[in-house]
Amino acid sequence: MATEKYLLQDGSTLEITTTDKTIAYKESVVTTVDKVVNYEEVTTKIIPAVSFYIGLPKSDTLVLSAQSNRVIENIRISNAAGIAAQLTNCGNITFRNCFFDGAGAEAITLYNCKNILIEKCLFARVTTGVYASTSQSIKILNNQFLNVRRREGVNARGQFVQFDNVSGAGNEVSGNKGENFIGESNPEDLISMFKSNGTAASPIQIRNNMFKGGGPSASGGGIILGDFGGSYITADGNVLLNPGNYGMSIAGGSNMVITNNKIFSKQFPWSNNPLFIWEQSGSVCANNTIKSNRATWTDKDGKPNGGWNAGNCVNTIWEKPTPITEAELNVPVHLIDYVTPEELIKIRK
């Protein structure tokens, strides 16, 4: 005797205890578990159970303005023509256990929002998972991202997460997983901190994320801090495997810290280096730290690269990383585990 779980075509979930006799259902009449055993066998297909995210009920796209104190959870927004969920002037909003299943633009955009929590959501085939602009206290925790695709031209995007002029205390991007499959994705930077500022007491935290896959962009890579300036951002304990042109970087700003990260890349046509600090935009670049990281990197010419300090940021603490093997990164074969491997194949493209 065994209990099996099925998702019926009406969206309900069904558990059937089977013996030596196959039990089936007729869709037009069976709507509840209690009725199933009362019907004689019919030759109707039984649909195998699906994982939580695939089985979520579908929702229309969301446009929220000046709303607060809402929890948005357990929904699926599929193939949005533009932005899947757009929030403006909102506060105290939580997204939880949602599936953003394809979009022509960003999955979630936040404009002038405060106290936003996005947790345990799945993002697939969007230009950017979460884009937060001129906002405060934004937390992106324990989500999974798959195959971001940048647009051409202005505001191309192409990130798992981008903060743009995010400021203040309580901002965090932690515990997330993301994977870009070559030939199916077109990312820029996986995590981008653009003109964003934490505080001395509460830096923006980018911690314990695990990302795999980047390229073919010749400029984009893993995690970038201080793009066009910013301050008080810490990236610690992240794992990056083959993340693109570079692994992690400080491109400007002050009081940036990159420590205790693990980075590895094989040779690709777009590979450059694992770590760099280089002021590129004319902004202040001072009092930044890169140390205690481990990285092994092969550049596009097949040569090992240990990182680069451009020397144009004042008061820099710079340590080249120590080597690491790919096995030591401990990245699982199936990094995206909110769905089964079979379901992952279906939602990748």
Protein backbone atom coordinates (compact mmCIF):
# COMPACT_ATOMS: atom_id res chain seq x y z
CA MET A 1 0.00 0.00 0.00
CA ALA A 2 1.32 3.45 -0.91
CA THR A 3 0.09 7.02 -0.82
CA GLU A 4 0.59 9.10 -3.95
CA LYS A 5 -0.08 12.79 -4.50
CA TYR A 6 -1.65 14.25 -7.63
CA LEU A 7 -2.52 17.68 -8.96
CA LEU A 8 -5.92 17.56 -10.67
CA GLN A 9 -6.76 19.67 -13.68
CA ASP A 10 -9.09 21.84 -11.60
CA GLY A 11 -6.08 22.91 -9.52
CA SER A 12 -6.90 20.86 -6.43
CA THR A 13 -4.48 18.45 -4.78
CA LEU A 14 -5.37 14.80 -4.35
CA GLU A 15 -3.82 12.06 -2.22
CA ILE A 16 -4.69 8.47 -3.14
CA THR A 17 -3.85 5.35 -1.20
CA THR A 18 -3.41 2.51 -3.65
CA THR A 19 -3.35 -1.24 -3.14
CA ASP A 20 -3.09 -3.73 -5.96
CA LYS A 21 -5.81 -1.90 -7.87
CA THR A 22 -5.21 1.23 -9.94
CA ILE A 23 -7.46 4.13 -9.01
CA ALA A 24 -8.21 6.80 -11.59
CA TYR A 25 -10.57 9.72 -11.76
CA LYS A 26 -13.03 11.32 -14.17
CA GLU A 27 -12.32 15.07 -14.25
CA SER A 28 -15.94 16.09 -14.84
CA VAL A 29 -17.20 14.48 -11.67
CA VAL A 30 -14.34 14.10 -9.20
CA THR A 31 -13.69 17.31 -7.26
CA THR A 32 -12.86 16.17 -3.76
CA VAL A 33 -10.77 13.45 -2.21
CA ASP A 34 -13.80 11.99 -0.43
CA LYS A 35 -15.55 11.19 -3.71
CA VAL A 36 -12.69 9.44 -5.43
CA VAL A 37 -13.07 5.99 -3.93
CA ASN A 38 -16.79 5.90 -4.74
CA TYR A 39 -16.29 5.91 -8.53
CA GLU A 40 -15.51 2.91 -10.64
CA GLU A 41 -12.31 2.87 -12.65
CA VAL A 42 -12.09 4.95 -15.81
CA THR A 43 -9.29 5.28 -18.34
CA THR A 44 -8.51 8.92 -17.64
CA LYS A 45 -4.94 10.15 -17.29
CA ILE A 46 -3.71 10.88 -13.78
CA ILE A 47 -1.39 13.89 -13.63
CA PRO A 48 1.69 13.39 -11.39
CA ALA A 49 2.18 15.77 -8.49
CA VAL A 50 4.19 18.94 -9.12
CA SER A 51 6.31 20.94 -6.73
CA PHE A 52 4.95 23.88 -4.79
CA TYR A 53 5.98 26.69 -7.13
CA ILE A 54 4.82 25.06 -10.34
CA GLY A 55 1.42 24.39 -8.81
CA LEU A 56 0.76 27.93 -7.57
CA PRO A 57 -2.43 29.63 -8.80
CA LYS A 58 -1.91 32.22 -11.53
CA SER A 59 -2.30 35.93 -10.88
CA ASP A 60 -2.51 39.03 -13.05
CA THR A 61 0.38 41.48 -13.01
CA LEU A 62 0.46 43.82 -10.01
CA VAL A 63 0.66 47.63 -9.96
CA LEU A 64 0.63 49.03 -6.43
CA SER A 65 0.87 52.70 -5.50
CA ALA A 66 0.94 54.22 -2.00
CA GLN A 67 -0.06 50.94 -0.38
CA SER A 68 1.20 49.53 2.89
CA ASN A 69 0.97 46.60 5.27
CA ARG A 70 0.33 43.90 2.69
CA VAL A 71 1.55 40.33 2.31
CA ILE A 72 1.59 38.98 -1.25
CA GLU A 73 2.20 35.27 -1.23
CA ASN A 74 1.59 31.95 -2.95
CA ILE A 75 0.90 33.31 -6.44
CA ARG A 76 2.36 32.75 -9.90
CA ILE A 77 2.70 35.55 -12.48
CA SER A 78 3.50 34.02 -15.85
CA ASN A 79 4.84 35.60 -19.04
CA ALA A 80 4.12 39.22 -18.16
CA ALA A 81 4.48 41.48 -21.20
CA GLY A 82 6.35 44.04 -19.09
CA ILE A 83 6.96 44.37 -15.35
CA ALA A 84 5.30 41.61 -13.36
CA ALA A 85 4.93 43.54 -10.06
CA GLN A 86 5.48 47.30 -9.90
CA LEU A 87 5.43 49.12 -6.56
CA THR A 88 5.62 52.91 -6.13
CA ASN A 89 5.59 54.81 -2.81
CA CYS A 90 4.76 51.64 -0.89
CA GLY A 91 5.78 50.52 2.59
CA ASN A 92 5.74 47.41 4.76
CA ILE A 93 5.11 45.02 1.87
CA THR A 94 6.12 41.34 1.85
CA PHE A 95 6.43 39.05 -1.17
CA ARG A 96 6.66 35.43 -0.06
CA ASN A 97 6.63 32.09 -1.88
CA CYS A 98 5.78 33.62 -5.26
CA PHE A 99 6.82 32.41 -8.73
CA PHE A 100 7.67 34.97 -11.41
CA ASP A 101 7.55 32.74 -14.45
CA GLY A 102 8.82 34.82 -17.37
CA ALA A 103 8.51 38.58 -18.03
CA GLY A 104 9.43 41.01 -20.77
CA ALA A 105 10.91 43.34 -18.15
CA GLU A 106 11.68 43.17 -14.42
CA ALA A 107 9.87 40.76 -12.12
CA ILE A 108 9.62 43.23 -9.20
CA THR A 109 10.38 46.96 -9.33
CA LEU A 110 10.41 49.19 -6.25
CA TYR A 111 10.32 52.99 -6.59
CA ASN A 112 10.52 55.14 -3.46
CA CYS A 113 9.52 52.22 -1.26
CA LYS A 114 10.42 51.40 2.33
CA ASN A 115 10.48 48.25 4.45
CA ILE A 116 10.07 45.70 1.69
CA LEU A 117 10.76 42.00 2.26
CA ILE A 118 11.08 39.58 -0.67
CA GLU A 119 11.67 36.04 0.49
CA LYS A 120 11.51 32.48 -0.82
CA CYS A 121 10.38 33.52 -4.29
CA LEU A 122 11.38 31.90 -7.58
CA PHE A 123 12.32 34.05 -10.59
CA ALA A 124 12.78 32.64 -14.10
CA ARG A 125 13.44 34.28 -17.49
CA VAL A 126 13.11 37.94 -16.52
CA THR A 127 15.36 40.91 -17.31
CA THR A 128 16.00 41.45 -13.60
CA GLY A 129 14.61 39.69 -10.56
CA VAL A 130 14.38 42.68 -8.20
CA TYR A 131 15.15 46.28 -9.15
CA ALA A 132 14.96 48.72 -6.23
CA SER A 133 15.35 52.48 -6.82
CA THR A 134 15.42 55.38 -4.33
CA SER A 135 14.21 53.03 -1.63
CA GLN A 136 15.11 52.09 1.94
CA SER A 137 15.20 48.96 4.11
CA ILE A 138 14.95 46.45 1.27
CA LYS A 139 15.57 42.80 2.16
CA ILE A 140 16.01 40.13 -0.53
CA LEU A 141 16.32 36.82 1.34
CA ASN A 142 16.46 33.15 0.33
CA ASN A 143 15.14 33.55 -3.21
CA GLN A 144 16.17 31.64 -6.34
CA PHE A 145 16.90 33.17 -9.75
CA LEU A 146 17.14 31.50 -13.14
CA ASN A 147 18.27 32.71 -16.58
CA VAL A 148 18.06 36.52 -16.51
CA ARG A 149 18.08 38.18 -19.92
CA ARG A 150 19.21 41.76 -20.41
CA ARG A 151 17.47 44.00 -22.90
CA GLU A 152 19.27 45.99 -25.55
CA GLY A 153 19.85 49.72 -25.18
CA VAL A 154 19.17 52.04 -22.24
CA ASN A 155 18.19 50.39 -18.93
CA ALA A 156 19.25 47.02 -20.28
CA ARG A 157 19.17 45.48 -16.77
CA GLY A 158 20.18 41.83 -16.62
CA GLN A 159 20.69 41.27 -12.88
CA PHE A 160 19.35 38.94 -10.24
CA VAL A 161 19.17 42.04 -7.99
CA GLN A 162 20.05 45.69 -8.56
CA PHE A 163 19.97 48.46 -5.96
CA ASP A 164 19.87 51.95 -7.52
CA ASN A 165 20.14 54.82 -5.03
CA VAL A 166 19.01 52.59 -2.19
CA SER A 167 20.01 54.11 1.16
CA GLY A 168 19.85 53.91 4.92
CA ALA A 169 19.88 51.05 7.38
CA GLY A 170 18.45 47.55 7.05
CA ASN A 171 19.22 46.75 3.41
CA GLU A 172 20.24 43.16 2.66
CA VAL A 173 20.66 40.60 -0.15
CA SER A 174 21.39 37.29 1.56
CA GLY A 175 20.91 33.54 1.26
CA ASN A 176 19.89 33.63 -2.39
CA LYS A 177 20.77 31.17 -5.17
CA GLY A 178 20.95 31.90 -8.87
CA GLU A 179 21.99 30.17 -12.07
CA ASN A 180 22.40 31.32 -15.67
CA PHE A 181 22.67 28.60 -18.28
CA ILE A 182 24.93 29.44 -21.22
CA GLY A 183 22.97 29.95 -24.41
CA GLU A 184 19.71 30.47 -22.49
CA SER A 185 20.56 33.66 -20.60
CA ASN A 186 22.22 37.03 -21.13
CA PRO A 187 23.10 38.53 -17.74
CA GLU A 188 25.10 41.65 -16.93
CA ASP A 189 26.05 41.84 -13.24
CA LEU A 190 24.42 39.25 -11.00
CA ILE A 191 24.24 41.64 -8.03
CA SER A 192 24.67 45.36 -8.76
CA MET A 193 25.02 48.10 -6.17
CA PHE A 194 24.61 51.39 -8.08
CA LYS A 195 24.97 54.70 -6.18
CA SER A 196 23.71 52.99 -3.04
CA ASN A 197 24.62 53.81 0.55
CA GLY A 198 24.28 51.93 3.79
CA THR A 199 25.31 53.42 7.11
CA ALA A 200 28.35 52.92 9.31
CA ALA A 201 26.22 51.09 11.86
CA SER A 202 24.20 49.15 9.26
CA PRO A 203 26.02 48.59 5.96
CA ILE A 204 24.16 47.08 3.02
CA GLN A 205 24.75 43.35 3.48
CA ILE A 206 25.38 40.93 0.60
CA ARG A 207 25.97 37.63 2.38
CA ASN A 208 25.97 33.90 1.81
CA ASN A 209 24.61 33.94 -1.72
CA MET A 210 25.52 31.18 -4.19
CA PHE A 211 25.57 31.99 -7.91
CA LYS A 212 26.56 30.07 -11.00
CA GLY A 213 26.91 31.19 -14.60
CA GLY A 214 27.56 34.45 -16.43
CA GLY A 215 28.55 35.78 -19.84
CA PRO A 216 28.68 36.45 -22.70
CA SER A 217 28.79 40.13 -21.65
CA ALA A 218 32.33 41.51 -21.85
CA SER A 219 31.62 43.89 -18.95
CA GLY A 220 29.27 42.05 -16.62
CA GLY A 221 30.14 39.58 -13.91
CA GLY A 222 29.30 38.56 -10.38
CA ILE A 223 28.89 41.14 -7.59
CA ILE A 224 29.77 44.80 -8.11
CA LEU A 225 29.91 47.38 -5.31
CA GLY A 226 30.19 51.15 -5.67
CA ASP A 227 29.15 51.44 -9.29
CA PHE A 228 29.12 55.24 -9.82
CA GLY A 229 29.81 55.65 -6.10
CA GLY A 230 28.12 54.74 -2.85
CA SER A 231 29.23 53.80 0.64
CA TYR A 232 29.06 51.24 3.43
CA ILE A 233 28.42 47.98 1.61
CA THR A 234 29.75 44.60 2.77
CA ALA A 235 29.93 41.44 0.63
CA ASP A 236 30.88 38.43 2.74
CA GLY A 237 30.65 34.66 2.45
CA ASN A 238 29.38 34.50 -1.13
CA VAL A 239 30.14 31.67 -3.57
CA LEU A 240 30.49 32.35 -7.30
CA LEU A 241 31.14 29.76 -10.00
CA ASN A 242 31.87 30.90 -13.58
CA PRO A 243 30.10 34.24 -12.95
CA GLY A 244 31.17 36.08 -16.13
CA ASN A 245 33.79 38.69 -16.98
CA TYR A 246 34.78 39.14 -13.32
CA GLY A 247 33.94 37.66 -9.94
CA MET A 248 33.59 40.56 -7.47
CA SER A 249 34.59 44.21 -7.68
CA ILE A 250 34.65 47.65 -6.14
CA ALA A 251 34.13 50.25 -8.87
CA GLY A 252 34.08 53.32 -6.62
CA GLY A 253 32.65 54.67 -3.40
CA SER A 254 33.90 54.42 0.16
CA ASN A 255 33.86 51.99 3.06
CA MET A 256 33.22 48.97 0.86
CA VAL A 257 34.27 45.53 2.12
CA ILE A 258 34.74 42.27 0.19
CA THR A 259 35.80 39.41 2.51
CA ASN A 260 35.58 35.64 2.92
CA ASN A 261 34.19 34.93 -0.53
CA LYS A 262 34.89 31.91 -2.77
CA ILE A 263 35.27 32.45 -6.51
CA PHE A 264 36.16 30.08 -9.33
CA SER A 265 36.05 30.34 -13.10
CA LYS A 266 37.19 28.19 -15.98
CA GLN A 267 38.35 29.76 -19.23
CA PHE A 268 35.62 31.43 -21.29
CA PRO A 269 35.85 33.97 -24.14
CA TRP A 270 34.62 36.65 -21.70
CA SER A 271 36.76 35.75 -18.64
CA ASN A 272 38.86 38.56 -17.14
CA ASN A 273 39.68 38.40 -13.41
CA PRO A 274 38.21 37.27 -10.09
CA LEU A 275 38.59 40.46 -8.01
CA PHE A 276 39.33 44.07 -8.75
CA ILE A 277 39.20 47.55 -7.26
CA TRP A 278 39.16 50.32 -9.84
CA GLU A 279 37.48 53.72 -9.63
CA GLN A 280 35.82 54.16 -13.01
CA SER A 281 33.23 56.94 -12.80
CA GLY A 282 34.92 59.97 -11.24
CA SER A 283 33.32 59.34 -7.85
CA VAL A 284 35.17 59.27 -4.54
CA CYS A 285 36.96 55.97 -3.98
CA ALA A 286 38.48 55.62 -0.52
CA ASN A 287 38.75 53.44 2.59
CA ASN A 288 37.83 50.18 0.88
CA THR A 289 38.88 46.64 1.78
CA ILE A 290 39.37 43.43 -0.20
CA LYS A 291 40.92 40.65 1.86
CA SER A 292 40.61 37.05 3.09
CA ASN A 293 39.05 35.81 -0.13
CA ARG A 294 39.77 32.60 -2.04
CA ALA A 295 39.75 32.49 -5.83
CA THR A 296 41.08 30.54 -8.79
CA TRP A 297 40.48 32.11 -12.17
CA THR A 298 41.48 31.38 -15.75
CA ASP A 299 41.20 34.34 -18.12
CA LYS A 300 40.16 34.29 -21.76
CA ASP A 301 43.77 33.68 -22.84
CA GLY A 302 44.02 30.59 -20.64
CA LYS A 303 46.22 32.28 -18.06
CA PRO A 304 45.69 32.29 -14.27
CA ASN A 305 44.58 35.66 -12.90
CA GLY A 306 44.76 36.60 -9.22
CA GLY A 307 42.89 39.92 -9.40
CA TRP A 308 43.81 43.55 -9.89
CA ASN A 309 44.22 46.74 -7.88
CA ALA A 310 44.17 49.72 -10.28
CA GLY A 311 45.78 51.92 -7.63
CA ASN A 312 43.39 54.86 -8.05
CA CYS A 313 41.47 54.41 -4.76
CA VAL A 314 43.04 55.95 -1.67
CA ASN A 315 43.58 54.13 1.61
CA THR A 316 42.89 50.71 0.10
CA ILE A 317 43.41 47.41 1.90
CA TRP A 318 44.09 44.90 -0.88
CA GLU A 319 45.03 41.26 -0.56
CA LYS A 320 45.18 38.91 -3.49
CA PRO A 321 43.03 35.83 -2.94
CA THR A 322 44.41 32.43 -2.09
CA PRO A 323 43.69 29.56 -4.52
CA ILE A 324 40.63 27.34 -4.31
CA THR A 325 39.39 24.33 -6.25
CA GLU A 326 35.98 24.09 -7.88
CA ALA A 327 35.13 21.19 -5.57
CA GLU A 328 35.76 23.37 -2.52
CA LEU A 329 33.00 25.75 -3.61
CA ASN A 330 30.58 22.88 -2.98
CA VAL A 331 28.08 24.10 -5.57
CA PRO A 332 25.46 21.37 -6.10
CA VAL A 333 24.72 20.03 -9.55
CA HIS A 334 21.12 21.14 -9.11
CA LEU A 335 21.61 24.58 -7.55
CA ILE A 336 18.02 25.63 -8.18
CA ASP A 337 16.07 23.32 -5.88
CA TYR A 338 12.70 25.04 -5.48
CA VAL A 339 11.62 22.83 -8.39
CA THR A 340 12.56 19.30 -9.41
CA PRO A 341 15.30 18.79 -12.03
CA GLU A 342 12.61 17.78 -14.53
CA GLU A 343 10.57 20.91 -13.84
CA LEU A 344 13.70 23.05 -14.07
CA ILE A 345 14.25 21.91 -17.64
CA LYS A 346 10.72 23.02 -18.53
CA ILE A 347 10.94 26.51 -17.00
CA ARG A 348 14.49 27.33 -18.14
CA LYS A 349 13.47 28.23 -21.69
